[in-house]
Amino acid sequence: MSLKISGLPIQPPAVTQAPSLDDATTDPSSGPSFKDILSSTISGLEQARGEANQGVDNFLTGEGGDLHSVILASQRAELEFDLFLQVRNKVVNAYQEVMRMQM
């Protein structure tokens, strides 16, 4: 028994033009502010942590939920928090680097 394995068709990469500086808007109020992004991220973290805690409480009291979903919710909340801490550390490091620059 022999299987014939054929290669994938090779397609050239799509050419996209990078936006020019003239196309970019210089108005800082056009998008969400850093404060809005930070507060929505923190509220998302708190919501994930609350859902994980609620799942653990429901599991321990026997009100519902299986062990797998409780563990997944807890791990998801922990991973989201770890990611947030890593991003925060990068932002703090970047700020410190800018403050060390001499003018």
N, C-alpha and C. Protein backbone atom coordinates (compact mmCIF):
# COMPACT_ATOMS: atom_id res chain seq x y z
N MET A 1 0.85 -1.17 0.00
CA MET A 1 0.00 0.00 0.00
C MET A 1 0.90 1.23 0.00
N SER A 2 0.74 2.04 -1.01
CA SER A 2 1.55 3.26 -1.06
C SER A 2 0.63 4.46 -1.14
N LEU A 3 1.01 5.47 -0.43
CA LEU A 3 0.25 6.72 -0.41
C LEU A 3 1.02 7.75 -1.20
N LYS A 4 0.32 8.48 -2.01
CA LYS A 4 0.96 9.54 -2.77
C LYS A 4 0.76 10.84 -1.99
N ILE A 5 1.85 11.46 -1.66
CA ILE A 5 1.80 12.72 -0.93
C ILE A 5 2.18 13.82 -1.89
N SER A 6 1.27 14.73 -2.06
CA SER A 6 1.56 15.85 -2.95
C SER A 6 1.85 17.09 -2.13
N GLY A 7 2.64 17.97 -2.69
CA GLY A 7 3.01 19.20 -2.00
C GLY A 7 1.88 20.22 -2.03
N LEU A 8 1.97 21.17 -1.18
CA LEU A 8 0.99 22.24 -1.15
C LEU A 8 1.27 23.22 -2.27
N PRO A 9 0.23 23.77 -2.86
CA PRO A 9 0.46 24.77 -3.91
C PRO A 9 1.08 26.02 -3.30
N ILE A 10 2.10 26.52 -3.94
CA ILE A 10 2.79 27.70 -3.45
C ILE A 10 2.19 28.93 -4.09
N GLN A 11 1.74 29.84 -3.25
CA GLN A 11 1.18 31.08 -3.73
C GLN A 11 2.08 32.21 -3.27
N PRO A 12 2.29 33.19 -4.14
CA PRO A 12 3.13 34.31 -3.72
C PRO A 12 2.41 35.09 -2.62
N PRO A 13 3.18 35.67 -1.69
CA PRO A 13 2.54 36.43 -0.62
C PRO A 13 1.81 37.65 -1.17
N ALA A 14 0.72 37.96 -0.52
CA ALA A 14 -0.06 39.12 -0.95
C ALA A 14 0.73 40.38 -0.65
N VAL A 15 0.75 41.26 -1.61
CA VAL A 15 1.48 42.52 -1.44
C VAL A 15 0.52 43.55 -0.89
N THR A 16 0.87 44.05 0.28
CA THR A 16 0.06 45.09 0.87
C THR A 16 0.92 46.32 1.04
N GLN A 17 0.32 47.44 0.87
CA GLN A 17 1.05 48.68 0.99
C GLN A 17 0.92 49.20 2.42
N ALA A 18 2.05 49.53 3.00
CA ALA A 18 2.04 50.07 4.35
C ALA A 18 1.43 51.45 4.33
N PRO A 19 0.68 51.80 5.37
CA PRO A 19 0.09 53.14 5.40
C PRO A 19 1.18 54.19 5.50
N SER A 20 0.98 55.27 4.79
CA SER A 20 1.96 56.34 4.84
C SER A 20 1.70 57.22 6.06
N LEU A 21 2.67 58.04 6.37
CA LEU A 21 2.52 58.94 7.51
C LEU A 21 1.44 59.98 7.28
N ASP A 22 1.17 60.29 6.01
CA ASP A 22 0.13 61.26 5.70
C ASP A 22 -1.25 60.72 6.01
N ASP A 23 -1.40 59.38 5.94
CA ASP A 23 -2.70 58.76 6.20
C ASP A 23 -3.01 58.69 7.69
N ALA A 24 -2.00 58.71 8.52
CA ALA A 24 -2.21 58.57 9.96
C ALA A 24 -2.81 59.85 10.52
N THR A 25 -3.72 59.65 11.44
CA THR A 25 -4.30 60.81 12.09
C THR A 25 -3.42 61.22 13.24
N THR A 26 -3.26 62.49 13.43
CA THR A 26 -2.42 62.98 14.51
C THR A 26 -3.25 63.41 15.71
N ASP A 27 -4.55 63.24 15.64
CA ASP A 27 -5.43 63.63 16.73
C ASP A 27 -5.38 62.56 17.82
N PRO A 28 -4.87 62.87 19.00
CA PRO A 28 -4.78 61.84 20.04
C PRO A 28 -6.12 61.42 20.59
N SER A 29 -7.16 62.19 20.38
CA SER A 29 -8.47 61.83 20.92
C SER A 29 -9.26 60.93 19.97
N SER A 30 -8.63 60.47 18.89
CA SER A 30 -9.36 59.65 17.93
C SER A 30 -9.59 58.23 18.44
N GLY A 31 -8.76 57.74 19.36
CA GLY A 31 -8.92 56.40 19.88
C GLY A 31 -9.12 56.42 21.38
N PRO A 32 -9.23 55.23 21.96
CA PRO A 32 -9.39 55.17 23.42
C PRO A 32 -8.11 55.63 24.10
N SER A 33 -8.26 56.24 25.24
CA SER A 33 -7.10 56.73 25.97
C SER A 33 -6.44 55.58 26.73
N PHE A 34 -5.22 55.81 27.16
CA PHE A 34 -4.49 54.80 27.92
C PHE A 34 -5.23 54.46 29.20
N LYS A 35 -5.82 55.47 29.82
CA LYS A 35 -6.58 55.26 31.05
C LYS A 35 -7.77 54.34 30.81
N ASP A 36 -8.48 54.54 29.69
CA ASP A 36 -9.63 53.70 29.37
C ASP A 36 -9.20 52.25 29.12
N ILE A 37 -8.11 52.08 28.39
CA ILE A 37 -7.62 50.74 28.10
C ILE A 37 -7.19 50.04 29.38
N LEU A 38 -6.48 50.77 30.24
CA LEU A 38 -6.02 50.19 31.49
C LEU A 38 -7.17 49.81 32.40
N SER A 39 -8.15 50.70 32.52
CA SER A 39 -9.28 50.40 33.41
C SER A 39 -10.14 49.25 32.88
N SER A 40 -10.31 49.15 31.56
CA SER A 40 -11.09 48.03 31.01
C SER A 40 -10.34 46.72 31.18
N THR A 41 -9.01 46.76 31.06
CA THR A 41 -8.22 45.55 31.27
C THR A 41 -8.29 45.09 32.72
N ILE A 42 -8.19 46.03 33.64
CA ILE A 42 -8.26 45.68 35.06
C ILE A 42 -9.64 45.14 35.41
N SER A 43 -10.69 45.75 34.86
CA SER A 43 -12.03 45.24 35.14
C SER A 43 -12.22 43.84 34.55
N GLY A 44 -11.61 43.57 33.39
CA GLY A 44 -11.66 42.23 32.82
C GLY A 44 -10.94 41.21 33.70
N LEU A 45 -9.80 41.63 34.27
CA LEU A 45 -9.08 40.75 35.18
C LEU A 45 -9.90 40.45 36.42
N GLU A 46 -10.53 41.48 36.97
CA GLU A 46 -11.36 41.29 38.16
C GLU A 46 -12.56 40.40 37.86
N GLN A 47 -13.13 40.55 36.67
CA GLN A 47 -14.27 39.72 36.30
C GLN A 47 -13.85 38.26 36.17
N ALA A 48 -12.70 38.00 35.54
CA ALA A 48 -12.21 36.62 35.40
C ALA A 48 -11.90 36.01 36.76
N ARG A 49 -11.31 36.81 37.65
CA ARG A 49 -11.00 36.31 38.99
C ARG A 49 -12.29 36.02 39.77
N GLY A 50 -13.29 36.89 39.61
CA GLY A 50 -14.57 36.68 40.28
C GLY A 50 -15.29 35.44 39.78
N GLU A 51 -15.24 35.22 38.46
CA GLU A 51 -15.87 34.03 37.89
C GLU A 51 -15.17 32.76 38.39
N ALA A 52 -13.84 32.81 38.48
CA ALA A 52 -13.10 31.65 38.97
C ALA A 52 -13.44 31.38 40.43
N ASN A 53 -13.49 32.43 41.23
CA ASN A 53 -13.85 32.26 42.64
C ASN A 53 -15.27 31.74 42.81
N GLN A 54 -16.18 32.25 41.99
CA GLN A 54 -17.57 31.78 42.05
C GLN A 54 -17.66 30.32 41.65
N GLY A 55 -16.90 29.92 40.62
CA GLY A 55 -16.88 28.52 40.21
C GLY A 55 -16.34 27.61 41.29
N VAL A 56 -15.28 28.05 41.98
CA VAL A 56 -14.72 27.25 43.08
C VAL A 56 -15.74 27.14 44.21
N ASP A 57 -16.38 28.24 44.55
CA ASP A 57 -17.38 28.20 45.62
C ASP A 57 -18.54 27.28 45.26
N ASN A 58 -19.02 27.37 44.01
CA ASN A 58 -20.11 26.50 43.58
C ASN A 58 -19.70 25.03 43.62
N PHE A 59 -18.47 24.76 43.22
CA PHE A 59 -18.00 23.37 43.22
C PHE A 59 -17.89 22.84 44.64
N LEU A 60 -17.35 23.67 45.55
CA LEU A 60 -17.16 23.20 46.92
C LEU A 60 -18.47 23.03 47.68
N THR A 61 -19.47 23.84 47.34
CA THR A 61 -20.76 23.70 48.02
C THR A 61 -21.65 22.66 47.34
N GLY A 62 -21.22 22.16 46.18
CA GLY A 62 -21.98 21.14 45.48
C GLY A 62 -23.13 21.68 44.67
N GLU A 63 -23.14 22.98 44.40
CA GLU A 63 -24.24 23.60 43.65
C GLU A 63 -24.13 23.37 42.15
N GLY A 64 -23.02 22.93 41.68
CA GLY A 64 -22.89 22.68 40.25
C GLY A 64 -21.49 22.93 39.77
N GLY A 65 -21.27 22.62 38.53
CA GLY A 65 -19.97 22.80 37.94
C GLY A 65 -19.11 21.57 38.14
N ASP A 66 -18.38 21.22 37.10
CA ASP A 66 -17.50 20.08 37.22
C ASP A 66 -16.08 20.56 37.50
N LEU A 67 -15.26 19.66 37.93
CA LEU A 67 -13.89 19.98 38.34
C LEU A 67 -13.09 20.58 37.19
N HIS A 68 -13.27 20.05 35.99
CA HIS A 68 -12.49 20.53 34.85
C HIS A 68 -12.77 22.00 34.54
N SER A 69 -14.02 22.38 34.53
CA SER A 69 -14.34 23.77 34.22
C SER A 69 -13.88 24.71 35.32
N VAL A 70 -13.90 24.25 36.57
CA VAL A 70 -13.42 25.08 37.68
C VAL A 70 -11.92 25.29 37.56
N ILE A 71 -11.19 24.23 37.26
CA ILE A 71 -9.74 24.34 37.11
C ILE A 71 -9.39 25.21 35.91
N LEU A 72 -10.10 25.04 34.81
CA LEU A 72 -9.83 25.86 33.63
C LEU A 72 -10.10 27.34 33.89
N ALA A 73 -11.18 27.64 34.59
CA ALA A 73 -11.48 29.04 34.91
C ALA A 73 -10.41 29.63 35.82
N SER A 74 -9.95 28.84 36.79
CA SER A 74 -8.90 29.33 37.69
C SER A 74 -7.59 29.55 36.95
N GLN A 75 -7.23 28.62 36.09
CA GLN A 75 -5.99 28.77 35.33
C GLN A 75 -6.08 29.93 34.34
N ARG A 76 -7.25 30.12 33.74
CA ARG A 76 -7.43 31.24 32.81
C ARG A 76 -7.25 32.57 33.53
N ALA A 77 -7.84 32.68 34.72
CA ALA A 77 -7.69 33.91 35.50
C ALA A 77 -6.24 34.13 35.90
N GLU A 78 -5.56 33.06 36.28
CA GLU A 78 -4.15 33.18 36.67
C GLU A 78 -3.28 33.58 35.48
N LEU A 79 -3.53 32.99 34.32
CA LEU A 79 -2.75 33.34 33.13
C LEU A 79 -3.00 34.78 32.69
N GLU A 80 -4.25 35.23 32.77
CA GLU A 80 -4.56 36.61 32.42
C GLU A 80 -3.84 37.57 33.35
N PHE A 81 -3.80 37.24 34.63
CA PHE A 81 -3.11 38.09 35.60
C PHE A 81 -1.60 38.10 35.34
N ASP A 82 -1.03 36.93 35.04
CA ASP A 82 0.40 36.86 34.74
C ASP A 82 0.74 37.67 33.49
N LEU A 83 -0.10 37.59 32.48
CA LEU A 83 0.12 38.37 31.26
C LEU A 83 0.04 39.86 31.56
N PHE A 84 -0.92 40.25 32.38
CA PHE A 84 -1.05 41.66 32.75
C PHE A 84 0.20 42.13 33.49
N LEU A 85 0.73 41.31 34.39
CA LEU A 85 1.93 41.68 35.13
C LEU A 85 3.13 41.83 34.20
N GLN A 86 3.25 40.95 33.21
CA GLN A 86 4.36 41.04 32.27
C GLN A 86 4.26 42.32 31.44
N VAL A 87 3.06 42.66 30.99
CA VAL A 87 2.88 43.88 30.21
C VAL A 87 3.16 45.10 31.09
N ARG A 88 2.69 45.05 32.34
CA ARG A 88 2.96 46.16 33.25
C ARG A 88 4.45 46.34 33.47
N ASN A 89 5.18 45.23 33.64
CA ASN A 89 6.62 45.32 33.83
C ASN A 89 7.31 45.92 32.61
N LYS A 90 6.86 45.56 31.42
CA LYS A 90 7.45 46.12 30.20
C LYS A 90 7.17 47.62 30.11
N VAL A 91 5.97 48.03 30.47
CA VAL A 91 5.63 49.46 30.42
C VAL A 91 6.47 50.23 31.44
N VAL A 92 6.63 49.69 32.64
CA VAL A 92 7.44 50.35 33.66
C VAL A 92 8.90 50.44 33.22
N ASN A 93 9.42 49.36 32.64
CA ASN A 93 10.79 49.38 32.14
C ASN A 93 10.97 50.40 31.03
N ALA A 94 10.00 50.50 30.14
CA ALA A 94 10.08 51.48 29.06
C ALA A 94 10.04 52.90 29.63
N TYR A 95 9.19 53.14 30.60
CA TYR A 95 9.12 54.45 31.24
C TYR A 95 10.44 54.80 31.92
N GLN A 96 11.01 53.84 32.63
CA GLN A 96 12.29 54.08 33.30
C GLN A 96 13.39 54.36 32.29
N GLU A 97 13.36 53.66 31.18
CA GLU A 97 14.36 53.88 30.13
C GLU A 97 14.24 55.29 29.54
N VAL A 98 13.02 55.74 29.34
CA VAL A 98 12.80 57.08 28.82
C VAL A 98 13.27 58.12 29.83
N MET A 99 13.03 57.87 31.10
CA MET A 99 13.45 58.81 32.13
C MET A 99 14.97 58.88 32.28
N ARG A 100 15.67 57.81 31.90
CA ARG A 100 17.13 57.82 31.98
C ARG A 100 17.77 58.53 30.80
N MET A 101 17.02 58.80 29.76
CA MET A 101 17.57 59.47 28.58
C MET A 101 17.98 60.90 28.94
N GLN A 102 19.10 61.28 28.40
CA GLN A 102 19.56 62.65 28.63
C GLN A 102 19.21 63.51 27.44
N MET A 103 18.82 64.71 27.73
CA MET A 103 18.47 65.63 26.65
C MET A 103 19.52 66.68 26.49
